[in-house]
Amino acid sequence: MVEELLIELVKGVGRFFLHPAVYITVLFSVLIGYYRVKRERRQLRTRILWGWTEVKRLLIDGYMWAIVLSVISVVVGLVLPIPWLYIISAWMMLFVVFFMYQVGSTIYAIALGVATLYIMNVYNWSFDIFPWKFTGFNIMNEAIIPIAILAGLLLIAEGALIQKHGASHASPRLVNTARGIEAMEYISKRLWLLPILLVVPGDVINSYIPYWPQFTLGESPFSLVLFPFVIGFQQKSRHTLPAQFFPRYGKKVWQLGIIVTIIGAAGYVMPLISAIAIALGVLVRLLITYIEYKKETSGSFAVSPQSNGVMIAGVLSNSPAEKMGLLIGERIVKVNGQKVTNEQELYEAVQINAAHCRLEVLDFSGELRLRQHILFRHDHYRLGLILVR
């Protein structure tokens, strides 16, 4: 039994690469990186991150969550209906293709998949795609319970990814304030691909694809499918520094995920509770997006020109600035003992001692700290700093 299950597991993993969502997500991650670099070069005269960063981090950032959720799915036995997987695949790919990453959370695709099948069942709708015929069914029975639990688990993973990686991949963009002053806002636009091993009814999938891997538990046949869940995310911060904003945002999302998971599991008492959990997840997720958007589009800019010092708007990777531990939102007040108030003064002061750079910096709390670095010929001539003017 164990040997057979392992063989089917390997086959199921191989089928992952047949899903079009994998290739569409890779392609659009390339496009996100391309347009980001193009904008950064136009506005900032340099790119902040390598153009292939979004593709590189597509799977790497979330692979541990994919493993954890796969283990939970198989061990707990979250059996998910095949028609629902097809429907949410279509919704996820639509969100990706039309760059709708503000609603890229899997909770939306999951809810739309449930609603689509429910409406098809109520109105007795059906449609054909190539050799497959899709009809609605009563998804409000036991099927809604594993779907709600999975929705909550994916929200937890999404929140953790935003909390950990949202700020590190936020790209600065120049904007003008109402007073005509140059300031910065930070846009985090990402796609994450989580390959999660799912259990599906084997007799259902066998009618569509006879060669799909199958195993049996007792008298019931099941199949293992490595399914690509796509998480899209897009949010900007300007009133709050990225290092503070995105961890706070992500925490709210994974806390919502815990609530949805618990309420969804309570559906074993009454399946309607699981449907309520999904609806709650959609409403609160929308509310989080709206509230955070309103907070960030009102009030002052966190990164804008200051009379006391030069504000850091960005730090390039592997640059002297990064090695000195300089952070976005900090202010450089002295360079090599000289007080500086703008970019020109800063680089003139650097030339006082071209081999050694000594900075006095005010951090977020207004405390003064000293940073210094020996400059080499190969180091970035602008120290790797992006400054607001």
Protein backbone atom coordinates (compact mmCIF):
# COMPACT_ATOMS: atom_id res chain seq x y z
CA MET A 1 0.00 0.00 0.00
CA VAL A 2 2.80 2.43 0.95
CA GLU A 3 4.78 1.59 -2.21
CA GLU A 4 1.73 2.11 -4.39
CA LEU A 5 0.98 5.44 -2.71
CA LEU A 6 4.56 6.65 -3.27
CA ILE A 7 4.41 5.76 -6.97
CA GLU A 8 1.13 7.60 -7.37
CA LEU A 9 2.58 10.54 -5.46
CA VAL A 10 5.46 10.85 -7.94
CA LYS A 11 3.03 10.66 -10.86
CA GLY A 12 0.79 13.28 -9.28
CA VAL A 13 3.73 15.65 -8.88
CA GLY A 14 4.56 15.20 -12.55
CA ARG A 15 1.02 16.24 -13.55
CA PHE A 16 1.62 19.62 -11.88
CA PHE A 17 3.56 20.71 -14.96
CA LEU A 18 0.54 20.10 -17.20
CA HIS A 19 -1.48 22.85 -15.53
CA PRO A 20 -1.57 26.06 -17.63
CA ALA A 21 -1.64 28.25 -14.49
CA VAL A 22 2.02 27.33 -13.85
CA TYR A 23 3.22 28.78 -17.15
CA ILE A 24 0.87 31.76 -17.13
CA THR A 25 2.08 32.71 -13.64
CA VAL A 26 5.74 32.40 -14.66
CA LEU A 27 5.14 34.55 -17.75
CA PHE A 28 3.36 37.30 -15.83
CA SER A 29 6.01 37.27 -13.10
CA VAL A 30 8.51 38.03 -15.86
CA LEU A 31 6.28 40.91 -17.02
CA ILE A 32 5.99 42.31 -13.49
CA GLY A 33 9.79 42.38 -13.19
CA TYR A 34 10.21 43.87 -16.65
CA TYR A 35 7.81 46.78 -16.08
CA ARG A 36 9.18 47.38 -12.58
CA VAL A 37 12.77 47.68 -13.85
CA LYS A 38 11.66 49.87 -16.75
CA ARG A 39 9.92 52.30 -14.38
CA GLU A 40 12.79 52.32 -11.87
CA ARG A 41 15.34 53.10 -14.60
CA ARG A 42 13.16 55.90 -15.96
CA GLN A 43 12.51 57.53 -12.57
CA LEU A 44 15.56 56.59 -10.49
CA ARG A 45 18.23 56.02 -13.18
CA THR A 46 18.87 52.53 -11.83
CA ARG A 47 17.01 49.37 -10.91
CA ILE A 48 16.55 48.45 -7.25
CA LEU A 49 16.28 44.68 -7.71
CA TRP A 50 17.35 42.31 -10.47
CA GLY A 51 14.69 42.04 -13.20
CA TRP A 52 14.24 38.30 -12.64
CA THR A 53 13.62 38.66 -8.89
CA GLU A 54 9.86 38.10 -9.16
CA VAL A 55 10.34 34.87 -11.13
CA LYS A 56 13.11 33.64 -8.85
CA ARG A 57 11.02 34.19 -5.74
CA LEU A 58 7.80 32.80 -7.30
CA LEU A 59 8.27 29.34 -5.77
CA ILE A 60 11.16 29.90 -3.35
CA ASP A 61 9.30 32.26 -1.00
CA GLY A 62 6.39 29.89 -0.39
CA TYR A 63 7.85 26.40 -0.78
CA MET A 64 7.79 25.68 2.96
CA TRP A 65 4.13 26.70 3.14
CA ALA A 66 3.39 24.48 0.13
CA ILE A 67 4.94 21.51 1.96
CA VAL A 68 3.11 22.23 5.22
CA LEU A 69 -0.27 22.66 3.53
CA SER A 70 0.29 19.53 1.41
CA VAL A 71 0.97 17.46 4.54
CA ILE A 72 -2.12 18.86 6.27
CA SER A 73 -4.27 18.28 3.18
CA VAL A 74 -3.26 14.63 2.80
CA VAL A 75 -3.08 13.70 6.50
CA VAL A 76 -6.40 15.33 7.41
CA GLY A 77 -7.97 14.08 4.19
CA LEU A 78 -9.33 17.27 2.66
CA VAL A 79 -11.10 15.66 -0.31
CA LEU A 80 -11.86 18.38 -2.86
CA PRO A 81 -14.24 18.12 -5.84
CA ILE A 82 -12.67 18.13 -9.31
CA PRO A 83 -15.18 20.55 -10.93
CA TRP A 84 -14.42 23.13 -8.23
CA LEU A 85 -10.68 22.87 -8.94
CA TYR A 86 -11.31 23.51 -12.63
CA ILE A 87 -13.48 26.54 -11.87
CA ILE A 88 -11.06 28.20 -9.42
CA SER A 89 -8.22 27.55 -11.90
CA ALA A 90 -10.13 29.66 -14.41
CA TRP A 91 -10.73 32.44 -11.86
CA MET A 92 -7.10 32.49 -10.72
CA MET A 93 -5.82 32.68 -14.30
CA LEU A 94 -8.24 35.53 -15.09
CA PHE A 95 -6.92 37.53 -12.11
CA VAL A 96 -3.34 36.96 -13.28
CA VAL A 97 -3.88 37.70 -16.98
CA PHE A 98 -5.77 40.94 -16.28
CA PHE A 99 -3.23 42.12 -13.67
CA MET A 100 -5.95 42.16 -10.96
CA TYR A 101 -3.49 41.50 -8.14
CA GLN A 102 -5.41 43.67 -5.66
CA VAL A 103 -7.97 40.82 -5.66
CA GLY A 104 -5.35 38.11 -6.17
CA SER A 105 -5.91 36.52 -2.75
CA THR A 106 -6.98 32.88 -3.15
CA ILE A 107 -9.99 33.53 -0.91
CA TYR A 108 -11.66 35.39 -3.81
CA ALA A 109 -11.07 32.62 -6.37
CA ILE A 110 -12.23 30.01 -3.84
CA ALA A 111 -15.44 31.93 -3.08
CA LEU A 112 -16.13 32.55 -6.77
CA GLY A 113 -15.59 28.86 -7.49
CA VAL A 114 -18.14 27.91 -4.84
CA ALA A 115 -20.62 30.55 -6.06
CA THR A 116 -20.21 29.48 -9.70
CA LEU A 117 -20.96 25.82 -9.00
CA TYR A 118 -23.84 26.72 -6.68
CA ILE A 119 -25.48 28.96 -9.32
CA MET A 120 -24.94 26.32 -12.01
CA ASN A 121 -26.68 23.78 -9.80
CA VAL A 122 -29.62 26.06 -8.95
CA TYR A 123 -30.28 27.02 -12.59
CA ASN A 124 -29.25 23.63 -14.00
CA TRP A 125 -26.54 25.14 -16.20
CA SER A 126 -23.78 23.12 -17.86
CA PHE A 127 -21.08 23.72 -20.45
CA ASP A 128 -18.55 21.72 -22.44
CA ILE A 129 -14.81 22.37 -22.74
CA PHE A 130 -13.18 20.00 -25.22
CA PRO A 131 -13.98 16.47 -24.02
CA TRP A 132 -15.18 17.54 -20.56
CA LYS A 133 -18.72 18.40 -19.54
CA PHE A 134 -19.19 20.61 -16.48
CA THR A 135 -22.39 20.68 -14.48
CA GLY A 136 -23.25 22.24 -11.16
CA PHE A 137 -23.75 20.16 -8.04
CA ASN A 138 -24.84 20.73 -4.48
CA ILE A 139 -21.55 22.07 -3.15
CA MET A 140 -23.24 23.03 0.11
CA ASN A 141 -23.02 19.46 1.36
CA GLU A 142 -19.79 17.98 2.74
CA ALA A 143 -17.66 19.50 -0.07
CA ILE A 144 -17.92 22.99 1.41
CA ILE A 145 -16.14 21.93 4.62
CA PRO A 146 -12.68 21.01 3.18
CA ILE A 147 -12.93 23.98 0.82
CA ALA A 148 -13.45 26.38 3.76
CA ILE A 149 -10.59 24.82 5.75
CA LEU A 150 -8.27 25.08 2.74
CA ALA A 151 -9.34 28.72 2.23
CA GLY A 152 -8.33 29.53 5.81
CA LEU A 153 -4.99 27.73 5.49
CA LEU A 154 -4.18 29.60 2.27
CA LEU A 155 -5.00 32.91 3.96
CA ILE A 156 -2.53 32.03 6.73
CA ALA A 157 0.15 31.30 4.11
CA GLU A 158 -0.68 34.51 2.22
CA GLY A 159 -0.42 36.64 5.35
CA ALA A 160 2.90 35.06 6.31
CA LEU A 161 4.31 35.71 2.81
CA ILE A 162 3.20 39.35 2.88
CA GLN A 163 4.60 39.82 6.38
CA LYS A 164 7.98 38.35 5.49
CA HIS A 165 8.51 39.41 1.87
CA GLY A 166 6.18 42.37 1.21
CA ALA A 167 8.63 45.08 2.31
CA SER A 168 11.79 43.53 0.83
CA HIS A 169 10.31 43.60 -2.67
CA ALA A 170 8.55 46.97 -2.46
CA SER A 171 9.63 49.18 -5.35
CA PRO A 172 9.97 52.97 -4.81
CA ARG A 173 8.05 55.27 -7.13
CA LEU A 174 8.44 59.03 -7.40
CA VAL A 175 5.29 61.09 -6.87
CA ASN A 176 4.55 64.76 -6.34
CA THR A 177 2.76 65.89 -3.19
CA ALA A 178 -0.06 68.45 -3.15
CA ARG A 179 2.61 71.09 -2.43
CA GLY A 180 4.61 70.07 -5.50
CA ILE A 181 7.37 68.39 -3.49
CA GLU A 182 8.97 65.15 -4.67
CA ALA A 183 8.19 62.19 -2.41
CA MET A 184 8.23 58.40 -2.54
CA GLU A 185 5.61 55.70 -2.37
CA TYR A 186 6.39 51.98 -2.35
CA ILE A 187 4.58 49.39 -4.44
CA SER A 188 4.72 45.70 -3.67
CA LYS A 189 3.37 43.67 -6.60
CA ARG A 190 3.93 39.94 -6.39
CA LEU A 191 2.76 36.54 -7.56
CA TRP A 192 3.43 33.46 -5.43
CA LEU A 193 2.90 29.91 -6.66
CA LEU A 194 2.13 27.26 -4.05
CA PRO A 195 2.08 23.66 -5.37
CA ILE A 196 -0.18 21.89 -2.86
CA LEU A 197 -0.85 18.16 -2.88
CA LEU A 198 -4.59 17.54 -2.80
CA VAL A 199 -6.78 14.47 -2.44
CA VAL A 200 -9.59 14.23 -5.00
CA PRO A 201 -12.22 11.55 -5.64
CA GLY A 202 -10.54 9.03 -7.94
CA ASP A 203 -13.63 7.79 -9.72
CA VAL A 204 -14.51 11.35 -10.75
CA ILE A 205 -11.12 12.24 -12.22
CA ASN A 206 -10.81 8.83 -13.83
CA SER A 207 -13.84 9.58 -16.02
CA TYR A 208 -11.99 12.62 -17.44
CA ILE A 209 -8.38 11.43 -17.48
CA PRO A 210 -8.10 7.61 -17.25
CA TYR A 211 -4.33 7.57 -16.66
CA TRP A 212 -4.38 9.91 -13.61
CA PRO A 213 -2.70 8.38 -10.52
CA GLN A 214 -5.13 6.58 -8.21
CA PHE A 215 -5.07 4.75 -4.90
CA THR A 216 -7.76 3.37 -2.64
CA LEU A 217 -8.67 3.90 0.98
CA GLY A 218 -10.89 1.01 1.88
CA GLU A 219 -13.37 0.68 -0.97
CA SER A 220 -13.24 4.34 -2.08
CA PRO A 221 -10.80 5.34 -4.85
CA PHE A 222 -8.90 8.62 -4.55
CA SER A 223 -6.27 10.46 -6.54
CA LEU A 224 -3.40 12.74 -5.58
CA VAL A 225 -3.05 15.98 -7.50
CA LEU A 226 -0.30 18.57 -7.08
CA PHE A 227 -2.39 21.67 -7.68
CA PRO A 228 -0.91 25.16 -8.32
CA PHE A 229 -2.54 27.79 -6.11
CA VAL A 230 -1.65 31.30 -7.25
CA ILE A 231 -1.52 34.13 -4.70
CA GLY A 232 -1.49 37.62 -6.15
CA PHE A 233 -0.70 40.68 -4.08
CA GLN A 234 -0.51 44.39 -4.84
CA GLN A 235 -0.44 47.19 -2.30
CA LYS A 236 1.33 50.50 -1.88
CA SER A 237 2.58 52.29 1.20
CA ARG A 238 3.46 55.95 1.47
CA HIS A 239 2.15 57.21 4.82
CA THR A 240 3.95 54.33 6.58
CA LEU A 241 7.43 52.99 5.87
CA PRO A 242 7.40 49.63 4.01
CA ALA A 243 9.28 47.88 6.84
CA GLN A 244 6.42 48.78 9.19
CA PHE A 245 3.45 48.65 6.82
CA PHE A 246 3.74 45.23 5.15
CA PRO A 247 4.43 43.19 8.33
CA ARG A 248 1.37 44.83 9.91
CA TYR A 249 -0.71 44.12 6.81
CA GLY A 250 0.43 40.50 6.61
CA LYS A 251 -0.31 39.91 10.29
CA LYS A 252 -3.93 40.95 9.80
CA VAL A 253 -4.28 38.55 6.87
CA TRP A 254 -2.89 35.47 8.65
CA GLN A 255 -4.96 36.25 11.74
CA LEU A 256 -8.03 36.27 9.49
CA GLY A 257 -6.86 32.93 8.07
CA ILE A 258 -6.82 31.35 11.53
CA ILE A 259 -10.39 32.53 12.17
CA VAL A 260 -11.62 31.25 8.79
CA THR A 261 -9.93 27.86 9.36
CA ILE A 262 -11.53 27.41 12.80
CA ILE A 263 -15.00 28.46 11.65
CA GLY A 264 -14.65 26.39 8.48
CA ALA A 265 -13.81 23.28 10.53
CA ALA A 266 -16.93 23.91 12.62
CA GLY A 267 -18.88 23.11 9.46
CA TYR A 268 -18.66 19.44 10.40
CA VAL A 269 -21.55 20.26 12.75
CA MET A 270 -23.48 22.13 10.04
CA PRO A 271 -22.05 22.67 6.50
CA LEU A 272 -23.66 26.11 6.28
CA ILE A 273 -21.13 27.32 8.88
CA SER A 274 -18.30 26.57 6.43
CA ALA A 275 -20.04 28.65 3.75
CA ILE A 276 -20.33 31.49 6.26
CA ALA A 277 -16.58 31.14 6.99
CA ILE A 278 -15.74 31.64 3.29
CA ALA A 279 -18.08 34.63 3.01
CA LEU A 280 -16.55 36.12 6.18
CA GLY A 281 -13.06 35.60 4.74
CA VAL A 282 -13.97 37.47 1.54
CA LEU A 283 -15.62 40.39 3.35
CA VAL A 284 -12.88 40.88 5.95
CA ARG A 285 -10.11 40.47 3.35
CA LEU A 286 -11.74 43.20 1.26
CA LEU A 287 -12.10 45.32 4.38
CA ILE A 288 -8.40 44.93 5.24
CA THR A 289 -7.44 46.05 1.72
CA TYR A 290 -9.79 49.05 1.82
CA ILE A 291 -8.81 50.24 5.30
CA GLU A 292 -5.08 49.97 4.61
CA TYR A 293 -5.50 51.70 1.25
CA LYS A 294 -7.36 54.63 2.85
CA LYS A 295 -4.73 54.96 5.58
CA GLU A 296 -1.89 55.04 3.08
CA THR A 297 -3.49 57.50 0.65
CA SER A 298 -4.21 60.08 3.32
CA GLY A 299 -1.85 62.07 5.50
CA SER A 300 1.78 62.92 4.92
CA PHE A 301 4.45 60.92 3.08
CA ALA A 302 6.84 58.92 5.23
CA VAL A 303 9.68 59.48 2.75
CA SER A 304 9.94 63.10 1.56
CA PRO A 305 12.59 65.87 1.68
CA GLN A 306 13.50 67.01 5.20
CA SER A 307 15.25 70.18 6.34
CA ASN A 308 17.39 68.22 8.78
CA GLY A 309 19.40 65.73 6.74
CA VAL A 310 19.01 63.74 3.52
CA MET A 311 16.21 61.17 3.46
CA ILE A 312 17.03 57.64 2.24
CA ALA A 313 14.42 56.41 -0.25
CA GLY A 314 16.10 53.19 -1.33
CA VAL A 315 19.17 51.01 -0.87
CA LEU A 316 20.69 48.94 -3.68
CA SER A 317 21.69 45.33 -3.05
CA ASN A 318 25.37 44.58 -2.32
CA SER A 319 26.19 48.30 -2.15
CA PRO A 320 28.18 50.20 0.50
CA ALA A 321 24.87 51.58 1.81
CA GLU A 322 23.52 48.06 2.36
CA LYS A 323 26.78 46.95 4.02
CA MET A 324 26.50 49.91 6.39
CA GLY A 325 23.00 48.79 7.34
CA LEU A 326 21.27 51.92 6.08
CA LEU A 327 17.47 51.66 5.87
CA ILE A 328 14.66 53.35 3.97
CA GLY A 329 13.27 56.29 5.95
CA GLU A 330 16.50 57.08 7.81
CA ARG A 331 18.15 60.51 7.46
CA ILE A 332 21.83 61.15 6.87
CA VAL A 333 22.72 64.32 8.80
CA LYS A 334 26.54 64.33 8.60
CA VAL A 335 29.10 62.83 6.22
CA ASN A 336 32.77 62.78 7.26
CA GLY A 337 31.95 65.38 9.91
CA GLN A 338 30.19 67.73 7.46
CA LYS A 339 26.52 68.61 7.92
CA VAL A 340 24.47 67.77 4.79
CA THR A 341 20.99 68.89 3.75
CA ASN A 342 20.80 67.72 0.14
CA GLU A 343 22.22 65.18 -2.32
CA GLN A 344 24.93 67.47 -3.71
CA GLU A 345 26.28 68.29 -0.26
CA LEU A 346 26.28 64.61 0.64
CA TYR A 347 28.48 63.54 -2.29
CA GLU A 348 30.75 66.53 -1.91
CA ALA A 349 31.30 65.52 1.72
CA VAL A 350 32.04 61.92 0.65
CA GLN A 351 34.97 63.24 -1.44
CA ILE A 352 36.59 64.73 1.68
CA ASN A 353 37.82 61.23 2.41
CA ALA A 354 37.35 59.19 -0.76
CA ALA A 355 38.68 55.99 0.86
CA HIS A 356 36.56 56.04 4.00
CA CYS A 357 32.92 57.05 4.43
CA ARG A 358 31.69 57.99 7.90
CA LEU A 359 27.97 58.75 8.27
CA GLU A 360 25.87 60.05 11.13
CA VAL A 361 22.31 58.85 10.68
CA LEU A 362 18.98 59.54 12.41
CA ASP A 363 16.90 56.38 12.63
CA PHE A 364 13.07 56.07 12.71
CA SER A 365 12.89 57.01 16.39
CA GLY A 366 15.17 60.04 15.93
CA GLU A 367 18.17 58.44 17.63
CA LEU A 368 21.62 59.17 16.19
CA ARG A 369 23.83 56.29 15.11
CA LEU A 370 27.22 56.09 13.43
CA ARG A 371 27.84 54.09 10.24
CA GLN A 372 31.15 53.80 8.39
CA HIS A 373 32.57 51.86 5.48
CA ILE A 374 35.85 51.63 3.59
CA LEU A 375 35.22 52.53 -0.06
CA PHE A 376 36.82 50.46 -2.82
CA ARG A 377 37.22 51.24 -6.51
CA HIS A 378 34.50 48.75 -7.51
CA ASP A 379 31.93 50.19 -5.07
CA HIS A 380 28.89 52.05 -6.38
CA TYR A 381 29.84 55.67 -7.02
CA ARG A 382 26.61 56.85 -5.37
CA LEU A 383 27.09 54.49 -2.39
CA GLY A 384 24.04 52.54 -3.61
CA LEU A 385 21.66 55.16 -2.20
CA ILE A 386 18.36 56.37 -3.67
CA LEU A 387 17.58 59.80 -2.19
CA VAL A 388 14.63 62.17 -2.33
CA ARG A 389 15.62 65.59 -3.57
